[in-house]
Amino acid sequence: MSTRRTATQGLILTILSTLAFVGSGCSDNVSDRDIEMIDLAAVRAAIADPGTTRLLDPRSPAEFAQGRIPTAVNIPLADISDRKDDIDPRLARFKGVIVYGNDPGSGVARATAKRLMRSGLKGVRMFAGGIAEWRTAGLKLEADAPKPSVSEAAPAPSGGSSGSGFGKPPTSTPADGVK
């Protein structure tokens, strides 16, 4: 009976050891609890020292063009790998990366931060307040210059002699074609 008891205890010890090993961080799972949240003051300090920390805006290129926190780079979530050691070169040289989205409920910002952490990037933090908190604090956003509308981009030709005639009033000719 003691041999059977010893074998059972050994099996239980092996199972518990395996579970402890698996649960101790060997997994690449990253949860929201693993993301370090930072406040507005920390973001402003990072902007003041641009050589060490990169601001990352994972929103769509259209949203990014409409308004972003100064010095941020746009890398949409779909372009970020979560494979171990596959770190985007635009981020690799920085000691830290601050990810932000539109507001505290930004799922794309959280998903981006977790993906970066799974890839092995160190110093990933999230500014949960995002664009909403930045604006509420009265801080300015950078934006791309608006693109001209179709009517501004291609003005209608004038009635000058070098045009194709487009936009000119029709000219009348005698019905018989004789001048």
Foldseek 3Di string as FASTA:
>chain_A
DVVVVVVVVVVVVVVVVVVCVVPPPPDLDDDLVNAAEDEPVVVVVCVVVVQAEAEEEQDDPVVVQAWAAPRHDYDHLVNQALAAQPGDPVGQNHLAYEYEYAALVDPRSSSSLSSNVSNPRPHYHYHNGHPVVCVVVVHGTDHHDDDDDPCVVDPDDDPDDVDPCVPPDDDDDDPVNDD
